[in-house]
Amino acid sequence: MTDRARRIAEVVGAVARQALADHGRTRIALLDDGSPEAELAARILVDQLGEERVATVRVDPDHVRWVAGDLGVDRRRAEEEVRRLLARLIDDALPAHPASKTALLLGGALPPEPLLPLGDLWATDVLALAGGWSASAEVVALAEAAGGIEVLATSVRRLIGGRDPAGLDVLAGAAAGRVRAALAAGSASRRHPRIVPKLGVRTLCADLFE
């Protein structure tokens, strides 16, 4: 484990322990969609808190598919809502969502889970630590339009973290406008705090509210 990976794990673990104490809960209920983010969050939380204090909440897509199809709703959204419901129903558990900072900033309203353990890690950080990254279809499309997740995350980091108004200028075509629209779409939600381990400048729900 690198020094940076160790520092990230320690900060996430410390914040998770404090969140459990503040909420009077004994374990984390982590929504697990099989993504690199979920795998990374589970690995860090289990390492820092112990396996008995982390419940990973998974659902079988086959069990959700027929209901989603019957109701005419998106299957992936239905799966997430089922995971969300199960996490809330676990006794003495604090729900947590594993999305990255990139996904949270560009994906619209923040998820309702009170703990976002990877909420200050960019998608490129997840890529480096877990070997992959994921986000909603809309954010993946933005990354493709920007020229790749490295370009997208770097430009948004410059705009947000570096307060550089020209941070998005490197993006091709209409990508910069689409990124600005995505950032604006989630701004109201970011004014309602969640618990995010602070690992860098301008952390969601700590000092980034616009």
C-alpha atoms as a PDB file:
ATOM      1  CA  MET A   1       0.000   0.000   0.000  1.00  0.00           C
ATOM      2  CA  THR A   2       1.365   3.428  -0.932  1.00  0.00           C
ATOM      3  CA  ASP A   3       1.616   6.279   1.570  1.00  0.00           C
ATOM      4  CA  ARG A   4      -1.250   8.085  -0.184  1.00  0.00           C
ATOM      5  CA  ALA A   5      -3.464   5.005  -0.158  1.00  0.00           C
ATOM      6  CA  ARG A   6      -2.701   4.504   3.526  1.00  0.00           C
ATOM      7  CA  ARG A   7      -3.525   8.137   4.318  1.00  0.00           C
ATOM      8  CA  ILE A   8      -6.808   7.909   2.407  1.00  0.00           C
ATOM      9  CA  ALA A   9      -7.765   4.734   4.259  1.00  0.00           C
ATOM     10  CA  GLU A  10      -6.928   6.239   7.637  1.00  0.00           C
ATOM     11  CA  VAL A  11      -8.939   9.422   7.017  1.00  0.00           C
ATOM     12  CA  VAL A  12     -11.944   7.480   5.684  1.00  0.00           C
ATOM     13  CA  GLY A  13     -11.769   5.115   8.647  1.00  0.00           C
ATOM     14  CA  ALA A  14     -11.519   7.928  11.191  1.00  0.00           C
ATOM     15  CA  VAL A  15     -14.487   9.782   9.700  1.00  0.00           C
ATOM     16  CA  ALA A  16     -16.551   6.586   9.482  1.00  0.00           C
ATOM     17  CA  ARG A  17     -15.883   5.801  13.155  1.00  0.00           C
ATOM     18  CA  GLN A  18     -16.876   9.325  14.157  1.00  0.00           C
ATOM     19  CA  ALA A  19     -20.018   9.157  12.004  1.00  0.00           C
ATOM     20  CA  LEU A  20     -21.054   5.915  13.699  1.00  0.00           C
ATOM     21  CA  ALA A  21     -20.496   7.468  17.123  1.00  0.00           C
ATOM     22  CA  ASP A  22     -22.393  10.641  16.206  1.00  0.00           C
ATOM     23  CA  HIS A  23     -25.366   8.671  14.873  1.00  0.00           C
ATOM     24  CA  GLY A  24     -25.302   6.073  17.647  1.00  0.00           C
ATOM     25  CA  ARG A  25     -24.855   3.174  15.205  1.00  0.00           C
ATOM     26  CA  THR A  26     -22.449   0.243  15.316  1.00  0.00           C
ATOM     27  CA  ARG A  27     -21.886  -0.561  11.631  1.00  0.00           C
ATOM     28  CA  ILE A  28     -21.933   0.816   8.082  1.00  0.00           C
ATOM     29  CA  ALA A  29     -24.476  -0.370   5.492  1.00  0.00           C
ATOM     30  CA  LEU A  30     -22.634   0.205   2.200  1.00  0.00           C
ATOM     31  CA  LEU A  31     -24.638   0.194  -1.025  1.00  0.00           C
ATOM     32  CA  ASP A  32     -22.777  -2.237  -3.295  1.00  0.00           C
ATOM     33  CA  ASP A  33     -23.527  -2.183  -7.025  1.00  0.00           C
ATOM     34  CA  GLY A  34     -20.433  -4.177  -7.942  1.00  0.00           C
ATOM     35  CA  SER A  35     -18.593  -1.056  -9.109  1.00  0.00           C
ATOM     36  CA  PRO A  36     -14.890  -0.291  -8.528  1.00  0.00           C
ATOM     37  CA  GLU A  37     -16.026   2.414  -6.102  1.00  0.00           C
ATOM     38  CA  ALA A  38     -18.066  -0.049  -4.040  1.00  0.00           C
ATOM     39  CA  GLU A  39     -15.173  -2.520  -3.994  1.00  0.00           C
ATOM     40  CA  LEU A  40     -12.714   0.185  -2.907  1.00  0.00           C
ATOM     41  CA  ALA A  41     -15.015   1.619  -0.232  1.00  0.00           C
ATOM     42  CA  ALA A  42     -15.727  -1.850   1.177  1.00  0.00           C
ATOM     43  CA  ARG A  43     -12.028  -2.724   1.228  1.00  0.00           C
ATOM     44  CA  ILE A  44     -11.116   0.486   3.077  1.00  0.00           C
ATOM     45  CA  LEU A  45     -13.979   0.291   5.560  1.00  0.00           C
ATOM     46  CA  VAL A  46     -13.394  -3.391   6.371  1.00  0.00           C
ATOM     47  CA  ASP A  47      -9.668  -2.736   6.787  1.00  0.00           C
ATOM     48  CA  GLN A  48     -10.292   0.220   9.097  1.00  0.00           C
ATOM     49  CA  LEU A  49     -13.382  -0.872  11.024  1.00  0.00           C
ATOM     50  CA  GLY A  50     -13.346  -4.663  10.828  1.00  0.00           C
ATOM     51  CA  GLU A  51     -15.547  -6.985   8.789  1.00  0.00           C
ATOM     52  CA  GLU A  52     -18.225  -7.223  11.478  1.00  0.00           C
ATOM     53  CA  ARG A  53     -18.853  -3.467  11.282  1.00  0.00           C
ATOM     54  CA  VAL A  54     -19.443  -3.288   7.505  1.00  0.00           C
ATOM     55  CA  ALA A  55     -22.534  -4.709   5.806  1.00  0.00           C
ATOM     56  CA  THR A  56     -22.397  -4.608   2.006  1.00  0.00           C
ATOM     57  CA  VAL A  57     -25.898  -4.313   0.580  1.00  0.00           C
ATOM     58  CA  ARG A  58     -26.299  -6.108  -2.756  1.00  0.00           C
ATOM     59  CA  VAL A  59     -29.357  -7.132  -4.764  1.00  0.00           C
ATOM     60  CA  ASP A  60     -29.839  -9.767  -7.445  1.00  0.00           C
ATOM     61  CA  PRO A  61     -30.653  -7.918 -10.707  1.00  0.00           C
ATOM     62  CA  ASP A  62     -32.903 -10.797 -11.785  1.00  0.00           C
ATOM     63  CA  HIS A  63     -35.096 -10.225  -8.738  1.00  0.00           C
ATOM     64  CA  VAL A  64     -35.562  -6.560  -9.670  1.00  0.00           C
ATOM     65  CA  ARG A  65     -35.787  -6.782 -13.453  1.00  0.00           C
ATOM     66  CA  TRP A  66     -39.342  -8.052 -13.743  1.00  0.00           C
ATOM     67  CA  VAL A  67     -40.703  -5.450 -11.318  1.00  0.00           C
ATOM     68  CA  ALA A  68     -38.856  -2.628 -13.070  1.00  0.00           C
ATOM     69  CA  GLY A  69     -40.076  -3.821 -16.462  1.00  0.00           C
ATOM     70  CA  ASP A  70     -43.628  -4.147 -15.229  1.00  0.00           C
ATOM     71  CA  LEU A  71     -43.652  -0.589 -13.921  1.00  0.00           C
ATOM     72  CA  GLY A  72     -41.748   0.876 -16.845  1.00  0.00           C
ATOM     73  CA  VAL A  73     -38.896   2.229 -14.713  1.00  0.00           C
ATOM     74  CA  ASP A  74     -35.158   2.082 -15.313  1.00  0.00           C
ATOM     75  CA  ARG A  75     -33.708  -1.193 -14.003  1.00  0.00           C
ATOM     76  CA  ARG A  76     -30.492   0.353 -12.649  1.00  0.00           C
ATOM     77  CA  ARG A  77     -32.410   2.992 -10.736  1.00  0.00           C
ATOM     78  CA  ALA A  78     -34.727   0.327  -9.380  1.00  0.00           C
ATOM     79  CA  GLU A  79     -31.759  -1.749  -8.192  1.00  0.00           C
ATOM     80  CA  GLU A  80     -30.260   1.254  -6.407  1.00  0.00           C
ATOM     81  CA  GLU A  81     -33.533   2.081  -4.679  1.00  0.00           C
ATOM     82  CA  VAL A  82     -33.887  -1.519  -3.483  1.00  0.00           C
ATOM     83  CA  ARG A  83     -30.338  -1.412  -2.098  1.00  0.00           C
ATOM     84  CA  ARG A  84     -31.178   1.922  -0.476  1.00  0.00           C
ATOM     85  CA  LEU A  85     -34.295   0.504   1.174  1.00  0.00           C
ATOM     86  CA  LEU A  86     -32.461  -2.578   2.466  1.00  0.00           C
ATOM     87  CA  ALA A  87     -29.651  -0.415   3.886  1.00  0.00           C
ATOM     88  CA  ARG A  88     -32.175   1.668   5.812  1.00  0.00           C
ATOM     89  CA  LEU A  89     -33.816  -1.477   7.185  1.00  0.00           C
ATOM     90  CA  ILE A  90     -30.618  -2.965   8.639  1.00  0.00           C
ATOM     91  CA  ASP A  91     -30.764  -2.548  12.410  1.00  0.00           C
ATOM     92  CA  ASP A  92     -28.157  -0.285  13.965  1.00  0.00           C
ATOM     93  CA  ALA A  93     -26.507   0.566  10.611  1.00  0.00           C
ATOM     94  CA  LEU A  94     -25.561   3.882   8.997  1.00  0.00           C
ATOM     95  CA  PRO A  95     -26.192   3.872   5.207  1.00  0.00           C
ATOM     96  CA  ALA A  96     -23.262   4.855   2.966  1.00  0.00           C
ATOM     97  CA  HIS A  97     -22.985   5.458  -0.785  1.00  0.00           C
ATOM     98  CA  PRO A  98     -19.641   4.761  -2.538  1.00  0.00           C
ATOM     99  CA  ALA A  99     -19.791   7.374  -5.348  1.00  0.00           C
ATOM    100  CA  SER A 100     -16.665   9.378  -6.191  1.00  0.00           C
ATOM    101  CA  LYS A 101     -16.376  13.164  -6.106  1.00  0.00           C
ATOM    102  CA  THR A 102     -16.552  13.282  -9.899  1.00  0.00           C
ATOM    103  CA  ALA A 103     -19.785  11.294  -9.970  1.00  0.00           C
ATOM    104  CA  LEU A 104     -21.284  13.328  -7.133  1.00  0.00           C
ATOM    105  CA  LEU A 105     -20.417  16.706  -8.660  1.00  0.00           C
ATOM    106  CA  LEU A 106     -21.651  15.892 -12.155  1.00  0.00           C
ATOM    107  CA  GLY A 107     -24.458  13.415 -11.433  1.00  0.00           C
ATOM    108  CA  GLY A 108     -27.165  15.820 -10.263  1.00  0.00           C
ATOM    109  CA  ALA A 109     -28.645  15.651  -6.763  1.00  0.00           C
ATOM    110  CA  LEU A 110     -26.500  13.969  -4.127  1.00  0.00           C
ATOM    111  CA  PRO A 111     -27.643  10.539  -2.931  1.00  0.00           C
ATOM    112  CA  PRO A 112     -29.550  10.677   0.370  1.00  0.00           C
ATOM    113  CA  GLU A 113     -27.178   8.391   2.303  1.00  0.00           C
ATOM    114  CA  PRO A 114     -25.580  10.349   5.180  1.00  0.00           C
ATOM    115  CA  LEU A 115     -22.060   8.960   4.630  1.00  0.00           C
ATOM    116  CA  LEU A 116     -20.128   9.309   1.355  1.00  0.00           C
ATOM    117  CA  PRO A 117     -16.788   7.616   2.124  1.00  0.00           C
ATOM    118  CA  LEU A 118     -15.234   8.305  -1.312  1.00  0.00           C
ATOM    119  CA  GLY A 119     -16.855  11.702  -1.728  1.00  0.00           C
ATOM    120  CA  ASP A 120     -13.513  13.557  -1.810  1.00  0.00           C
ATOM    121  CA  LEU A 121     -11.816  11.150  -4.245  1.00  0.00           C
ATOM    122  CA  TRP A 122     -11.915  11.993  -7.952  1.00  0.00           C
ATOM    123  CA  ALA A 123     -12.708   9.253 -10.463  1.00  0.00           C
ATOM    124  CA  THR A 124      -9.031   9.275 -11.447  1.00  0.00           C
ATOM    125  CA  ASP A 125      -8.089   8.548  -7.817  1.00  0.00           C
ATOM    126  CA  VAL A 126     -10.486   5.602  -7.831  1.00  0.00           C
ATOM    127  CA  LEU A 127      -8.989   4.457 -11.130  1.00  0.00           C
ATOM    128  CA  ALA A 128      -5.504   4.527  -9.601  1.00  0.00           C
ATOM    129  CA  LEU A 129      -6.560   2.754  -6.394  1.00  0.00           C
ATOM    130  CA  ALA A 130      -9.081   0.244  -7.759  1.00  0.00           C
ATOM    131  CA  GLY A 131      -8.101  -0.221 -11.405  1.00  0.00           C
ATOM    132  CA  GLY A 132     -11.390   1.145 -12.741  1.00  0.00           C
ATOM    133  CA  TRP A 133     -14.073   3.755 -12.240  1.00  0.00           C
ATOM    134  CA  SER A 134     -17.795   4.125 -12.805  1.00  0.00           C
ATOM    135  CA  ALA A 135     -20.573   6.706 -12.756  1.00  0.00           C
ATOM    136  CA  SER A 136     -24.032   7.271 -14.177  1.00  0.00           C
ATOM    137  CA  ALA A 137     -24.526   6.996 -17.933  1.00  0.00           C
ATOM    138  CA  GLU A 138     -24.705  10.794 -18.110  1.00  0.00           C
ATOM    139  CA  VAL A 139     -21.323  11.264 -16.427  1.00  0.00           C
ATOM    140  CA  VAL A 140     -19.739   8.525 -18.562  1.00  0.00           C
ATOM    141  CA  ALA A 141     -21.044  10.346 -21.662  1.00  0.00           C
ATOM    142  CA  LEU A 142     -19.541  13.602 -20.360  1.00  0.00           C
ATOM    143  CA  ALA A 143     -16.177  11.874 -19.923  1.00  0.00           C
ATOM    144  CA  GLU A 144     -16.329  10.578 -23.479  1.00  0.00           C
ATOM    145  CA  ALA A 145     -17.222  14.031 -24.817  1.00  0.00           C
ATOM    146  CA  ALA A 146     -14.372  15.573 -22.806  1.00  0.00           C
ATOM    147  CA  GLY A 147     -11.772  13.199 -24.220  1.00  0.00           C
ATOM    148  CA  GLY A 148     -11.548  10.742 -21.337  1.00  0.00           C
ATOM    149  CA  ILE A 149     -12.000  10.650 -17.593  1.00  0.00           C
ATOM    150  CA  GLU A 150      -8.489  11.997 -16.972  1.00  0.00           C
ATOM    151  CA  VAL A 151      -9.239  15.131 -19.011  1.00  0.00           C
ATOM    152  CA  LEU A 152     -12.663  15.581 -17.430  1.00  0.00           C
ATOM    153  CA  ALA A 153     -11.540  15.084 -13.831  1.00  0.00           C
ATOM    154  CA  THR A 154      -8.463  17.300 -14.271  1.00  0.00           C
ATOM    155  CA  SER A 155     -10.480  20.149 -15.775  1.00  0.00           C
ATOM    156  CA  VAL A 156     -13.189  19.985 -13.105  1.00  0.00           C
ATOM    157  CA  ARG A 157     -10.514  19.772 -10.400  1.00  0.00           C
ATOM    158  CA  ARG A 158      -8.926  22.951 -11.783  1.00  0.00           C
ATOM    159  CA  LEU A 159     -12.271  24.719 -11.844  1.00  0.00           C
ATOM    160  CA  ILE A 160     -13.440  23.551  -8.409  1.00  0.00           C
ATOM    161  CA  GLY A 161     -10.310  22.916  -6.394  1.00  0.00           C
ATOM    162  CA  GLY A 162      -8.101  25.548  -7.989  1.00  0.00           C
ATOM    163  CA  ARG A 163     -10.889  28.088  -8.458  1.00  0.00           C
ATOM    164  CA  ASP A 164      -9.614  28.531 -12.007  1.00  0.00           C
ATOM    165  CA  PRO A 165     -12.429  29.953 -14.167  1.00  0.00           C
ATOM    166  CA  ALA A 166     -10.565  28.728 -17.254  1.00  0.00           C
ATOM    167  CA  GLY A 167     -10.352  25.179 -15.910  1.00  0.00           C
ATOM    168  CA  LEU A 168     -12.832  23.825 -18.440  1.00  0.00           C
ATOM    169  CA  ASP A 169     -11.302  25.600 -21.440  1.00  0.00           C
ATOM    170  CA  VAL A 170      -9.306  22.504 -22.391  1.00  0.00           C
ATOM    171  CA  LEU A 171     -12.514  20.579 -23.106  1.00  0.00           C
ATOM    172  CA  ALA A 172     -13.464  20.080 -26.722  1.00  0.00           C
ATOM    173  CA  GLY A 173     -16.604  21.333 -28.449  1.00  0.00           C
ATOM    174  CA  ALA A 174     -19.692  21.695 -26.281  1.00  0.00           C
ATOM    175  CA  ALA A 175     -18.297  19.591 -23.416  1.00  0.00           C
ATOM    176  CA  ALA A 176     -17.488  22.611 -21.228  1.00  0.00           C
ATOM    177  CA  GLY A 177     -21.060  23.847 -21.416  1.00  0.00           C
ATOM    178  CA  ARG A 178     -22.397  20.401 -20.588  1.00  0.00           C
ATOM    179  CA  VAL A 179     -20.093  20.164 -17.562  1.00  0.00           C
ATOM    180  CA  ARG A 180     -21.202  23.596 -16.316  1.00  0.00           C
ATOM    181  CA  ALA A 181     -24.838  22.570 -16.705  1.00  0.00           C
ATOM    182  CA  ALA A 182     -24.194  19.337 -14.775  1.00  0.00           C
ATOM    183  CA  LEU A 183     -22.457  21.225 -11.959  1.00  0.00           C
ATOM    184  CA  ALA A 184     -25.346  23.681 -11.744  1.00  0.00           C
ATOM    185  CA  ALA A 185     -27.952  20.906 -11.699  1.00  0.00           C
ATOM    186  CA  GLY A 186     -26.603  19.487  -8.431  1.00  0.00           C
ATOM    187  CA  SER A 187     -25.770  22.754  -6.685  1.00  0.00           C
ATOM    188  CA  ALA A 188     -28.984  22.962  -4.614  1.00  0.00           C
ATOM    189  CA  SER A 189     -28.468  19.439  -3.280  1.00  0.00           C
ATOM    190  CA  ARG A 190     -24.908  20.245  -2.215  1.00  0.00           C
ATOM    191  CA  ARG A 191     -26.240  22.818   0.259  1.00  0.00           C
ATOM    192  CA  HIS A 192     -27.670  19.957   2.340  1.00  0.00           C
ATOM    193  CA  PRO A 193     -24.613  18.348   3.974  1.00  0.00           C
ATOM    194  CA  ARG A 194     -23.579  14.705   3.984  1.00  0.00           C
ATOM    195  CA  ILE A 195     -20.570  13.237   5.808  1.00  0.00           C
ATOM    196  CA  VAL A 196     -17.523  13.281   3.520  1.00  0.00           C
ATOM    197  CA  PRO A 197     -13.965  12.445   4.651  1.00  0.00           C
ATOM    198  CA  LYS A 198     -11.921  15.559   3.798  1.00  0.00           C
ATOM    199  CA  LEU A 199      -8.872  14.639   1.722  1.00  0.00           C
ATOM    200  CA  GLY A 200      -8.259  17.773  -0.326  1.00  0.00           C
ATOM    201  CA  VAL A 201      -9.385  21.328  -0.966  1.00  0.00           C
ATOM    202  CA  ARG A 202     -13.039  22.283  -1.447  1.00  0.00           C
ATOM    203  CA  THR A 203     -14.652  19.117  -0.205  1.00  0.00           C
ATOM    204  CA  LEU A 204     -18.309  18.370  -0.917  1.00  0.00           C
ATOM    205  CA  CYS A 205     -20.519  19.205   2.072  1.00  0.00           C
ATOM    206  CA  ALA A 206     -17.545  20.652   3.982  1.00  0.00           C
ATOM    207  CA  ASP A 207     -16.546  23.758   2.022  1.00  0.00           C
ATOM    208  CA  LEU A 208     -18.070  23.240  -1.449  1.00  0.00           C
ATOM    209  CA  PHE A 209     -21.726  24.221  -1.510  1.00  0.00           C
ATOM    210  CA  GLU A 210     -22.290  25.964  -4.848  1.00  0.00           C
END
